[in-house]
Amino acid sequence: MGLKAASTKSSPMVQHLPITQARINLGALVKRVHLNKEYFILEKDGIPVAAIMDVDEFEDYLELQDPKVRNHIRRSYQEYLAGKGRPAEQLLAELKAGSKKAKRARRQKA
């Protein structure tokens, strides 16, 4: 079986594949999933029964199933819409300034 590499970067490639072909080409399949961020729907007798996706994306999916995480994202988005956000450059400058102050305080204690 020839598994052709996907050339599309904008939208994820979703391939439907019989389980028997997936079993024969599992190494190549996993490599494409990991490197190209492709998705595979595995079929048995033409019926979709399972899917393969990259583990990083799967972990993100599982995390988003946690109601606490979803509530935090919702609150953060509401704060953003209310104008409570700030540019990344400003945040980084504040973190750097705070880090320098903490270093000075540690040196003075020693």
PDB file of N, CA and C in Angstrom:
ATOM      1  N   MET A   1       0.848  -1.185   0.000  1.00  0.00           N
ATOM      2  CA  MET A   1       0.000   0.000   0.000  1.00  0.00           C
ATOM      3  C   MET A   1       0.881   1.230   0.000  1.00  0.00           C
ATOM      4  N   GLY A   2       0.587   2.204  -0.808  1.00  0.00           N
ATOM      5  CA  GLY A   2       1.370   3.432  -0.833  1.00  0.00           C
ATOM      6  C   GLY A   2       0.708   4.502   0.008  1.00  0.00           C
ATOM      7  N   LEU A   3       1.377   4.908   1.064  1.00  0.00           N
ATOM      8  CA  LEU A   3       0.874   6.007   1.893  1.00  0.00           C
ATOM      9  C   LEU A   3       1.554   7.276   1.412  1.00  0.00           C
ATOM     10  N   LYS A   4       0.809   8.124   0.711  1.00  0.00           N
ATOM     11  CA  LYS A   4       1.377   9.357   0.182  1.00  0.00           C
ATOM     12  C   LYS A   4       1.396  10.421   1.264  1.00  0.00           C
ATOM     13  N   ALA A   5       2.467  11.199   1.295  1.00  0.00           N
ATOM     14  CA  ALA A   5       2.594  12.277   2.283  1.00  0.00           C
ATOM     15  C   ALA A   5       1.666  13.427   1.909  1.00  0.00           C
ATOM     16  N   ALA A   6       1.114  14.042   2.918  1.00  0.00           N
ATOM     17  CA  ALA A   6       0.215  15.180   2.692  1.00  0.00           C
ATOM     18  C   ALA A   6       1.029  16.444   2.472  1.00  0.00           C
ATOM     19  N   SER A   7       0.604  17.257   1.526  1.00  0.00           N
ATOM     20  CA  SER A   7       1.311  18.506   1.259  1.00  0.00           C
ATOM     21  C   SER A   7       0.545  19.708   1.780  1.00  0.00           C
ATOM     22  N   THR A   8      -0.655  19.512   2.313  1.00  0.00           N
ATOM     23  CA  THR A   8      -1.477  20.617   2.789  1.00  0.00           C
ATOM     24  C   THR A   8      -1.110  20.963   4.217  1.00  0.00           C
ATOM     25  N   LYS A   9      -0.766  22.226   4.457  1.00  0.00           N
ATOM     26  CA  LYS A   9      -0.420  22.678   5.800  1.00  0.00           C
ATOM     27  C   LYS A   9      -1.583  23.420   6.458  1.00  0.00           C
ATOM     28  N   SER A  10      -2.505  23.985   5.673  1.00  0.00           N
ATOM     29  CA  SER A  10      -3.549  24.831   6.221  1.00  0.00           C
ATOM     30  C   SER A  10      -4.638  24.039   6.930  1.00  0.00           C
ATOM     31  N   SER A  11      -5.055  22.932   6.383  1.00  0.00           N
ATOM     32  CA  SER A  11      -6.094  22.137   7.025  1.00  0.00           C
ATOM     33  C   SER A  11      -5.562  20.727   7.244  1.00  0.00           C
ATOM     34  N   PRO A  12      -5.958  20.109   8.349  1.00  0.00           N
ATOM     35  CA  PRO A  12      -5.428  18.777   8.635  1.00  0.00           C
ATOM     36  C   PRO A  12      -5.951  17.749   7.626  1.00  0.00           C
ATOM     37  N   MET A  13      -5.071  16.840   7.274  1.00  0.00           N
ATOM     38  CA  MET A  13      -5.450  15.757   6.376  1.00  0.00           C
ATOM     39  C   MET A  13      -6.122  14.672   7.192  1.00  0.00           C
ATOM     40  N   VAL A  14      -7.278  14.229   6.738  1.00  0.00           N
ATOM     41  CA  VAL A  14      -7.971  13.120   7.371  1.00  0.00           C
ATOM     42  C   VAL A  14      -8.088  12.018   6.332  1.00  0.00           C
ATOM     43  N   GLN A  15      -7.491  10.886   6.655  1.00  0.00           N
ATOM     44  CA  GLN A  15      -7.511   9.745   5.749  1.00  0.00           C
ATOM     45  C   GLN A  15      -8.353   8.641   6.369  1.00  0.00           C
ATOM     46  N   HIS A  16      -9.133   7.966   5.557  1.00  0.00           N
ATOM     47  CA  HIS A  16      -9.874   6.788   5.997  1.00  0.00           C
ATOM     48  C   HIS A  16      -9.102   5.564   5.527  1.00  0.00           C
ATOM     49  N   LEU A  17      -8.950   4.608   6.434  1.00  0.00           N
ATOM     50  CA  LEU A  17      -8.084   3.475   6.154  1.00  0.00           C
ATOM     51  C   LEU A  17      -8.647   2.217   6.805  1.00  0.00           C
ATOM     52  N   PRO A  18      -8.686   1.098   6.062  1.00  0.00           N
ATOM     53  CA  PRO A  18      -9.096  -0.153   6.700  1.00  0.00           C
ATOM     54  C   PRO A  18      -8.083  -0.557   7.782  1.00  0.00           C
ATOM     55  N   ILE A  19      -8.571  -1.117   8.853  1.00  0.00           N
ATOM     56  CA  ILE A  19      -7.689  -1.532   9.957  1.00  0.00           C
ATOM     57  C   ILE A  19      -6.595  -2.465   9.461  1.00  0.00           C
ATOM     58  N   THR A  20      -6.904  -3.356   8.531  1.00  0.00           N
ATOM     59  CA  THR A  20      -5.892  -4.301   8.045  1.00  0.00           C
ATOM     60  C   THR A  20      -4.731  -3.566   7.385  1.00  0.00           C
ATOM     61  N   GLN A  21      -5.009  -2.526   6.611  1.00  0.00           N
ATOM     62  CA  GLN A  21      -3.930  -1.746   5.995  1.00  0.00           C
ATOM     63  C   GLN A  21      -3.155  -0.966   7.052  1.00  0.00           C
ATOM     64  N   ALA A  22      -3.855  -0.456   8.046  1.00  0.00           N
ATOM     65  CA  ALA A  22      -3.180   0.278   9.121  1.00  0.00           C
ATOM     66  C   ALA A  22      -2.224  -0.641   9.869  1.00  0.00           C
ATOM     67  N   ARG A  23      -2.647  -1.866  10.123  1.00  0.00           N
ATOM     68  CA  ARG A  23      -1.797  -2.818  10.838  1.00  0.00           C
ATOM     69  C   ARG A  23      -0.527  -3.113  10.041  1.00  0.00           C
ATOM     70  N   ILE A  24      -0.668  -3.288   8.743  1.00  0.00           N
ATOM     71  CA  ILE A  24       0.479  -3.597   7.886  1.00  0.00           C
ATOM     72  C   ILE A  24       1.462  -2.429   7.852  1.00  0.00           C
ATOM     73  N   ASN A  25       0.950  -1.209   7.855  1.00  0.00           N
ATOM     74  CA  ASN A  25       1.783  -0.003   7.698  1.00  0.00           C
ATOM     75  C   ASN A  25       1.825   0.848   8.960  1.00  0.00           C
ATOM     76  N   LEU A  26       1.723   0.234  10.127  1.00  0.00           N
ATOM     77  CA  LEU A  26       1.595   1.005  11.367  1.00  0.00           C
ATOM     78  C   LEU A  26       2.767   1.958  11.592  1.00  0.00           C
ATOM     79  N   GLY A  27       3.991   1.527  11.343  1.00  0.00           N
ATOM     80  CA  GLY A  27       5.151   2.398  11.546  1.00  0.00           C
ATOM     81  C   GLY A  27       5.085   3.660  10.705  1.00  0.00           C
ATOM     82  N   ALA A  28       4.778   3.505   9.423  1.00  0.00           N
ATOM     83  CA  ALA A  28       4.681   4.656   8.522  1.00  0.00           C
ATOM     84  C   ALA A  28       3.503   5.548   8.905  1.00  0.00           C
ATOM     85  N   LEU A  29       2.423   4.916   9.328  1.00  0.00           N
ATOM     86  CA  LEU A  29       1.230   5.652   9.742  1.00  0.00           C
ATOM     87  C   LEU A  29       1.532   6.542  10.942  1.00  0.00           C
ATOM     88  N   VAL A  30       2.166   5.969  11.953  1.00  0.00           N
ATOM     89  CA  VAL A  30       2.499   6.715  13.162  1.00  0.00           C
ATOM     90  C   VAL A  30       3.467   7.845  12.846  1.00  0.00           C
ATOM     91  N   LYS A  31       4.412   7.599  11.962  1.00  0.00           N
ATOM     92  CA  LYS A  31       5.364   8.637  11.572  1.00  0.00           C
ATOM     93  C   LYS A  31       4.645   9.818  10.921  1.00  0.00           C
ATOM     94  N   ARG A  32       3.699   9.530  10.036  1.00  0.00           N
ATOM     95  CA  ARG A  32       2.945  10.602   9.383  1.00  0.00           C
ATOM     96  C   ARG A  32       2.090  11.366  10.378  1.00  0.00           C
ATOM     97  N   VAL A  33       1.492  10.646  11.311  1.00  0.00           N
ATOM     98  CA  VAL A  33       0.666  11.301  12.334  1.00  0.00           C
ATOM     99  C   VAL A  33       1.523  12.243  13.160  1.00  0.00           C
ATOM    100  N   HIS A  34       2.686  11.773  13.565  1.00  0.00           N
ATOM    101  CA  HIS A  34       3.552  12.580  14.425  1.00  0.00           C
ATOM    102  C   HIS A  34       4.192  13.748  13.668  1.00  0.00           C
ATOM    103  N   LEU A  35       4.750  13.489  12.507  1.00  0.00           N
ATOM    104  CA  LEU A  35       5.489  14.533  11.790  1.00  0.00           C
ATOM    105  C   LEU A  35       4.589  15.484  11.008  1.00  0.00           C
ATOM    106  N   ASN A  36       3.557  14.961  10.361  1.00  0.00           N
ATOM    107  CA  ASN A  36       2.707  15.775   9.488  1.00  0.00           C
ATOM    108  C   ASN A  36       1.412  16.211  10.152  1.00  0.00           C
ATOM    109  N   LYS A  37       1.186  15.764  11.393  1.00  0.00           N
ATOM    110  CA  LYS A  37      -0.044  16.094  12.128  1.00  0.00           C
ATOM    111  C   LYS A  37      -1.290  15.672  11.337  1.00  0.00           C
ATOM    112  N   GLU A  38      -1.204  14.509  10.690  1.00  0.00           N
ATOM    113  CA  GLU A  38      -2.341  13.966   9.960  1.00  0.00           C
ATOM    114  C   GLU A  38      -3.232  13.177  10.911  1.00  0.00           C
ATOM    115  N   TYR A  39      -4.443  12.923  10.464  1.00  0.00           N
ATOM    116  CA  TYR A  39      -5.400  12.122  11.216  1.00  0.00           C
ATOM    117  C   TYR A  39      -5.788  10.917  10.369  1.00  0.00           C
ATOM    118  N   PHE A  40      -6.011   9.799  11.024  1.00  0.00           N
ATOM    119  CA  PHE A  40      -6.464   8.609  10.331  1.00  0.00           C
ATOM    120  C   PHE A  40      -7.689   8.048  11.028  1.00  0.00           C
ATOM    121  N   ILE A  41      -8.715   7.798  10.239  1.00  0.00           N
ATOM    122  CA  ILE A  41      -9.916   7.118  10.714  1.00  0.00           C
ATOM    123  C   ILE A  41      -9.779   5.666  10.274  1.00  0.00           C
ATOM    124  N   LEU A  42      -9.785   4.764  11.240  1.00  0.00           N
ATOM    125  CA  LEU A  42      -9.653   3.346  10.938  1.00  0.00           C
ATOM    126  C   LEU A  42     -11.041   2.737  10.806  1.00  0.00           C
ATOM    127  N   GLU A  43     -11.209   1.953   9.758  1.00  0.00           N
ATOM    128  CA  GLU A  43     -12.518   1.369   9.465  1.00  0.00           C
ATOM    129  C   GLU A  43     -12.455  -0.155   9.487  1.00  0.00           C
ATOM    130  N   LYS A  44     -13.522  -0.751   9.963  1.00  0.00           N
ATOM    131  CA  LYS A  44     -13.700  -2.194   9.907  1.00  0.00           C
ATOM    132  C   LYS A  44     -14.964  -2.437   9.110  1.00  0.00           C
ATOM    133  N   ASP A  45     -14.813  -3.133   8.009  1.00  0.00           N
ATOM    134  CA  ASP A  45     -15.938  -3.389   7.098  1.00  0.00           C
ATOM    135  C   ASP A  45     -16.593  -2.084   6.654  1.00  0.00           C
ATOM    136  N   GLY A  46     -15.778  -1.041   6.442  1.00  0.00           N
ATOM    137  CA  GLY A  46     -16.272   0.243   5.967  1.00  0.00           C
ATOM    138  C   GLY A  46     -16.896   1.132   7.034  1.00  0.00           C
ATOM    139  N   ILE A  47     -16.883   0.669   8.291  1.00  0.00           N
ATOM    140  CA  ILE A  47     -17.486   1.437   9.384  1.00  0.00           C
ATOM    141  C   ILE A  47     -16.368   2.051  10.232  1.00  0.00           C
ATOM    142  N   PRO A  48     -16.376   3.379  10.433  1.00  0.00           N
ATOM    143  CA  PRO A  48     -15.351   4.006  11.282  1.00  0.00           C
ATOM    144  C   PRO A  48     -15.448   3.481  12.717  1.00  0.00           C
ATOM    145  N   VAL A  49     -14.312   2.984  13.243  1.00  0.00           N
ATOM    146  CA  VAL A  49     -14.319   2.428  14.599  1.00  0.00           C
ATOM    147  C   VAL A  49     -13.274   3.056  15.521  1.00  0.00           C
ATOM    148  N   ALA A  50     -12.265   3.701  14.961  1.00  0.00           N
ATOM    149  CA  ALA A  50     -11.215   4.303  15.789  1.00  0.00           C
ATOM    150  C   ALA A  50     -10.509   5.379  14.979  1.00  0.00           C
ATOM    151  N   ALA A  51      -9.725   6.190  15.702  1.00  0.00           N
ATOM    152  CA  ALA A  51      -8.963   7.251  15.040  1.00  0.00           C
ATOM    153  C   ALA A  51      -7.563   7.290  15.625  1.00  0.00           C
ATOM    154  N   ILE A  52      -6.625   7.786  14.823  1.00  0.00           N
ATOM    155  CA  ILE A  52      -5.247   7.969  15.270  1.00  0.00           C
ATOM    156  C   ILE A  52      -4.897   9.437  15.091  1.00  0.00           C
ATOM    157  N   MET A  53      -4.348  10.027  16.176  1.00  0.00           N
ATOM    158  CA  MET A  53      -3.914  11.417  16.125  1.00  0.00           C
ATOM    159  C   MET A  53      -2.640  11.561  16.956  1.00  0.00           C
ATOM    160  N   ASP A  54      -1.928  12.666  16.797  1.00  0.00           N
ATOM    161  CA  ASP A  54      -0.687  12.909  17.532  1.00  0.00           C
ATOM    162  C   ASP A  54      -0.961  13.021  19.030  1.00  0.00           C
ATOM    163  N   VAL A  55      -0.055  12.488  19.836  1.00  0.00           N
ATOM    164  CA  VAL A  55      -0.269  12.434  21.283  1.00  0.00           C
ATOM    165  C   VAL A  55      -0.343  13.822  21.916  1.00  0.00           C
ATOM    166  N   ASP A  56       0.407  14.800  21.429  1.00  0.00           N
ATOM    167  CA  ASP A  56       0.343  16.151  21.997  1.00  0.00           C
ATOM    168  C   ASP A  56      -1.060  16.739  21.832  1.00  0.00           C
ATOM    169  N   GLU A  57      -1.615  16.556  20.661  1.00  0.00           N
ATOM    170  CA  GLU A  57      -2.960  17.062  20.408  1.00  0.00           C
ATOM    171  C   GLU A  57      -3.994  16.293  21.224  1.00  0.00           C
ATOM    172  N   PHE A  58      -3.778  14.990  21.382  1.00  0.00           N
ATOM    173  CA  PHE A  58      -4.689  14.174  22.185  1.00  0.00           C
ATOM    174  C   PHE A  58      -4.670  14.622  23.648  1.00  0.00           C
ATOM    175  N   GLU A  59      -3.477  14.915  24.176  1.00  0.00           N
ATOM    176  CA  GLU A  59      -3.379  15.394  25.560  1.00  0.00           C
ATOM    177  C   GLU A  59      -4.082  16.734  25.722  1.00  0.00           C
ATOM    178  N   ASP A  60      -3.947  17.619  24.731  1.00  0.00           N
ATOM    179  CA  ASP A  60      -4.676  18.897  24.765  1.00  0.00           C
ATOM    180  C   ASP A  60      -6.181  18.656  24.773  1.00  0.00           C
ATOM    181  N   TYR A  61      -6.628  17.719  23.949  1.00  0.00           N
ATOM    182  CA  TYR A  61      -8.053  17.376  23.898  1.00  0.00           C
ATOM    183  C   TYR A  61      -8.529  16.891  25.258  1.00  0.00           C
ATOM    184  N   LEU A  62      -7.765  16.003  25.884  1.00  0.00           N
ATOM    185  CA  LEU A  62      -8.159  15.488  27.198  1.00  0.00           C
ATOM    186  C   LEU A  62      -8.203  16.597  28.246  1.00  0.00           C
ATOM    187  N   GLU A  63      -7.231  17.497  28.189  1.00  0.00           N
ATOM    188  CA  GLU A  63      -7.194  18.603  29.144  1.00  0.00           C
ATOM    189  C   GLU A  63      -8.425  19.490  29.011  1.00  0.00           C
ATOM    190  N   LEU A  64      -8.860  19.698  27.774  1.00  0.00           N
ATOM    191  CA  LEU A  64     -10.031  20.550  27.538  1.00  0.00           C
ATOM    192  C   LEU A  64     -11.330  19.895  28.008  1.00  0.00           C
ATOM    193  N   GLN A  65     -11.299  18.619  28.306  1.00  0.00           N
ATOM    194  CA  GLN A  65     -12.493  17.948  28.833  1.00  0.00           C
ATOM    195  C   GLN A  65     -12.691  18.255  30.311  1.00  0.00           C
ATOM    196  N   ASP A  66     -11.651  18.790  30.985  1.00  0.00           N
ATOM    197  CA  ASP A  66     -11.721  19.130  32.402  1.00  0.00           C
ATOM    198  C   ASP A  66     -12.543  20.417  32.562  1.00  0.00           C
ATOM    199  N   PRO A  67     -13.636  20.371  33.328  1.00  0.00           N
ATOM    200  CA  PRO A  67     -14.471  21.572  33.496  1.00  0.00           C
ATOM    201  C   PRO A  67     -13.707  22.750  34.098  1.00  0.00           C
ATOM    202  N   LYS A  68     -12.741  22.493  34.976  1.00  0.00           N
ATOM    203  CA  LYS A  68     -11.957  23.589  35.567  1.00  0.00           C
ATOM    204  C   LYS A  68     -11.161  24.328  34.490  1.00  0.00           C
ATOM    205  N   VAL A  69     -10.580  23.580  33.580  1.00  0.00           N
ATOM    206  CA  VAL A  69      -9.801  24.191  32.499  1.00  0.00           C
ATOM    207  C   VAL A  69     -10.718  24.998  31.588  1.00  0.00           C
ATOM    208  N   ARG A  70     -11.866  24.436  31.237  1.00  0.00           N
ATOM    209  CA  ARG A  70     -12.809  25.155  30.380  1.00  0.00           C
ATOM    210  C   ARG A  70     -13.281  26.445  31.048  1.00  0.00           C
ATOM    211  N   ASN A  71     -13.556  26.409  32.354  1.00  0.00           N
ATOM    212  CA  ASN A  71     -13.985  27.621  33.072  1.00  0.00           C
ATOM    213  C   ASN A  71     -12.878  28.665  33.091  1.00  0.00           C
ATOM    214  N   HIS A  72     -11.638  28.223  33.294  1.00  0.00           N
ATOM    215  CA  HIS A  72     -10.509  29.156  33.301  1.00  0.00           C
ATOM    216  C   HIS A  72     -10.369  29.830  31.931  1.00  0.00           C
ATOM    217  N   ILE A  73     -10.489  29.058  30.870  1.00  0.00           N
ATOM    218  CA  ILE A  73     -10.400  29.618  29.516  1.00  0.00           C
ATOM    219  C   ILE A  73     -11.538  30.609  29.289  1.00  0.00           C
ATOM    220  N   ARG A  74     -12.731  30.263  29.717  1.00  0.00           N
ATOM    221  CA  ARG A  74     -13.894  31.143  29.551  1.00  0.00           C
ATOM    222  C   ARG A  74     -13.677  32.467  30.296  1.00  0.00           C
ATOM    223  N   ARG A  75     -13.202  32.380  31.560  1.00  0.00           N
ATOM    224  CA  ARG A  75     -12.956  33.607  32.344  1.00  0.00           C
ATOM    225  C   ARG A  75     -11.864  34.449  31.709  1.00  0.00           C
ATOM    226  N   SER A  76     -10.805  33.808  31.255  1.00  0.00           N
ATOM    227  CA  SER A  76      -9.709  34.540  30.619  1.00  0.00           C
ATOM    228  C   SER A  76     -10.182  35.251  29.362  1.00  0.00           C
ATOM    229  N   TYR A  77     -11.006  34.583  28.591  1.00  0.00           N
ATOM    230  CA  TYR A  77     -11.527  35.201  27.378  1.00  0.00           C
ATOM    231  C   TYR A  77     -12.416  36.395  27.713  1.00  0.00           C
ATOM    232  N   GLN A  78     -13.226  36.272  28.748  1.00  0.00           N
ATOM    233  CA  GLN A  78     -14.076  37.392  29.172  1.00  0.00           C
ATOM    234  C   GLN A  78     -13.222  38.568  29.627  1.00  0.00           C
ATOM    235  N   GLU A  79     -12.144  38.302  30.348  1.00  0.00           N
ATOM    236  CA  GLU A  79     -11.238  39.376  30.762  1.00  0.00           C
ATOM    237  C   GLU A  79     -10.608  40.044  29.542  1.00  0.00           C
ATOM    238  N   TYR A  80     -10.227  39.233  28.567  1.00  0.00           N
ATOM    239  CA  TYR A  80      -9.646  39.774  27.340  1.00  0.00           C
ATOM    240  C   TYR A  80     -10.651  40.692  26.646  1.00  0.00           C
ATOM    241  N   LEU A  81     -11.900  40.235  26.524  1.00  0.00           N
ATOM    242  CA  LEU A  81     -12.927  41.049  25.875  1.00  0.00           C
ATOM    243  C   LEU A  81     -13.193  42.331  26.645  1.00  0.00           C
ATOM    244  N   ALA A  82     -13.017  42.302  27.969  1.00  0.00           N
ATOM    245  CA  ALA A  82     -13.241  43.483  28.804  1.00  0.00           C
ATOM    246  C   ALA A  82     -12.041  44.440  28.767  1.00  0.00           C
ATOM    247  N   GLY A  83     -11.012  44.085  28.024  1.00  0.00           N
ATOM    248  CA  GLY A  83      -9.850  44.960  27.895  1.00  0.00           C
ATOM    249  C   GLY A  83      -8.844  44.830  29.021  1.00  0.00           C
ATOM    250  N   LYS A  84      -8.895  43.730  29.738  1.00  0.00           N
ATOM    251  CA  LYS A  84      -7.977  43.558  30.855  1.00  0.00           C
ATOM    252  C   LYS A  84      -6.656  42.922  30.438  1.00  0.00           C
ATOM    253  N   GLY A  85      -6.462  42.712  29.162  1.00  0.00           N
ATOM    254  CA  GLY A  85      -5.219  42.131  28.673  1.00  0.00           C
ATOM    255  C   GLY A  85      -4.153  43.195  28.496  1.00  0.00           C
ATOM    256  N   ARG A  86      -2.936  42.765  28.246  1.00  0.00           N
ATOM    257  CA  ARG A  86      -1.842  43.706  27.960  1.00  0.00           C
ATOM    258  C   ARG A  86      -0.916  43.064  26.939  1.00  0.00           C
ATOM    259  N   PRO A  87      -0.177  43.882  26.215  1.00  0.00           N
ATOM    260  CA  PRO A  87       0.729  43.346  25.191  1.00  0.00           C
ATOM    261  C   PRO A  87       1.795  42.450  25.807  1.00  0.00           C
ATOM    262  N   ALA A  88       2.202  41.445  25.066  1.00  0.00           N
ATOM    263  CA  ALA A  88       3.213  40.492  25.548  1.00  0.00           C
ATOM    264  C   ALA A  88       4.519  41.206  25.903  1.00  0.00           C
ATOM    265  N   GLU A  89       4.882  42.220  25.130  1.00  0.00           N
ATOM    266  CA  GLU A  89       6.130  42.939  25.401  1.00  0.00           C
ATOM    267  C   GLU A  89       6.100  43.575  26.796  1.00  0.00           C
ATOM    268  N   GLN A  90       4.954  44.119  27.173  1.00  0.00           N
ATOM    269  CA  GLN A  90       4.809  44.736  28.490  1.00  0.00           C
ATOM    270  C   GLN A  90       4.937  43.685  29.596  1.00  0.00           C
ATOM    271  N   LEU A  91       4.290  42.556  29.414  1.00  0.00           N
ATOM    272  CA  LEU A  91       4.372  41.480  30.399  1.00  0.00           C
ATOM    273  C   LEU A  91       5.806  40.992  30.556  1.00  0.00           C
ATOM    274  N   LEU A  92       6.499  40.790  29.441  1.00  0.00           N
ATOM    275  CA  LEU A  92       7.882  40.320  29.501  1.00  0.00           C
ATOM    276  C   LEU A  92       8.779  41.338  30.214  1.00  0.00           C
ATOM    277  N   ALA A  93       8.567  42.614  29.946  1.00  0.00           N
ATOM    278  CA  ALA A  93       9.351  43.654  30.621  1.00  0.00           C
ATOM    279  C   ALA A  93       9.097  43.616  32.127  1.00  0.00           C
ATOM    280  N   GLU A  94       7.827  43.437  32.523  1.00  0.00           N
ATOM    281  CA  GLU A  94       7.494  43.356  33.955  1.00  0.00           C
ATOM    282  C   GLU A  94       8.134  42.128  34.599  1.00  0.00           C
ATOM    283  N   LEU A  95       8.126  41.012  33.899  1.00  0.00           N
ATOM    284  CA  LEU A  95       8.731  39.788  34.442  1.00  0.00           C
ATOM    285  C   LEU A  95      10.243  39.949  34.604  1.00  0.00           C
ATOM    286  N   LYS A  96      10.876  40.569  33.599  1.00  0.00           N
ATOM    287  CA  LYS A  96      12.317  40.792  33.687  1.00  0.00           C
ATOM    288  C   LYS A  96      12.655  41.725  34.841  1.00  0.00           C
ATOM    289  N   ALA A  97      11.882  42.791  34.996  1.00  0.00           N
ATOM    290  CA  ALA A  97      12.122  43.737  36.090  1.00  0.00           C
ATOM    291  C   ALA A  97      11.938  43.050  37.438  1.00  0.00           C
ATOM    292  N   GLY A  98      10.910  42.233  37.561  1.00  0.00           N
ATOM    293  CA  GLY A  98      10.658  41.500  38.800  1.00  0.00           C
ATOM    294  C   GLY A  98      11.758  40.504  39.088  1.00  0.00           C
ATOM    295  N   SER A  99      12.295  39.888  38.065  1.00  0.00           N
ATOM    296  CA  SER A  99      13.370  38.913  38.221  1.00  0.00           C
ATOM    297  C   SER A  99      14.641  39.596  38.724  1.00  0.00           C
ATOM    298  N   LYS A 100      14.934  40.785  38.204  1.00  0.00           N
ATOM    299  CA  LYS A 100      16.119  41.519  38.638  1.00  0.00           C
ATOM    300  C   LYS A 100      15.988  41.930  40.103  1.00  0.00           C
ATOM    301  N   LYS A 101      14.774  42.349  40.505  1.00  0.00           N
ATOM    302  CA  LYS A 101      14.546  42.736  41.903  1.00  0.00           C
ATOM    303  C   LYS A 101      14.719  41.536  42.820  1.00  0.00           C
ATOM    304  N   ALA A 102      14.227  40.389  42.415  1.00  0.00           N
ATOM    305  CA  ALA A 102      14.333  39.177  43.237  1.00  0.00           C
ATOM    306  C   ALA A 102      15.799  38.764  43.383  1.00  0.00           C
ATOM    307  N   LYS A 103      16.584  38.892  42.322  1.00  0.00           N
ATOM    308  CA  LYS A 103      18.002  38.546  42.378  1.00  0.00           C
ATOM    309  C   LYS A 103      18.734  39.476  43.345  1.00  0.00           C
ATOM    310  N   ARG A 104      18.414  40.770  43.256  1.00  0.00           N
ATOM    311  CA  ARG A 104      19.057  41.725  44.182  1.00  0.00           C
ATOM    312  C   ARG A 104      18.716  41.397  45.631  1.00  0.00           C
ATOM    313  N   ALA A 105      17.467  41.068  45.890  1.00  0.00           N
ATOM    314  CA  ALA A 105      17.042  40.748  47.252  1.00  0.00           C
ATOM    315  C   ALA A 105      17.763  39.508  47.758  1.00  0.00           C
ATOM    316  N   ARG A 106      17.948  38.511  46.934  1.00  0.00           N
ATOM    317  CA  ARG A 106      18.652  37.288  47.346  1.00  0.00           C
ATOM    318  C   ARG A 106      20.113  37.604  47.661  1.00  0.00           C
ATOM    319  N   ARG A 107      20.735  38.472  46.846  1.00  0.00           N
ATOM    320  CA  ARG A 107      22.143  38.823  47.074  1.00  0.00           C
ATOM    321  C   ARG A 107      22.305  39.585  48.393  1.00  0.00           C
ATOM    322  N   GLN A 108      21.342  40.453  48.699  1.00  0.00           N
ATOM    323  CA  GLN A 108      21.431  41.237  49.927  1.00  0.00           C
ATOM    324  C   GLN A 108      21.272  40.358  51.153  1.00  0.00           C
ATOM    325  N   LYS A 109      20.471  39.295  51.059  1.00  0.00           N
ATOM    326  CA  LYS A 109      20.290  38.381  52.201  1.00  0.00           C
ATOM    327  C   LYS A 109      21.541  37.558  52.451  1.00  0.00           C
ATOM    328  N   ALA A 110      22.298  37.277  51.406  1.00  0.00           N
ATOM    329  CA  ALA A 110      23.479  36.407  51.561  1.00  0.00           C
ATOM    330  C   ALA A 110      24.641  37.090  52.209  1.00  0.00           C
TER     331      ALA A 110
END
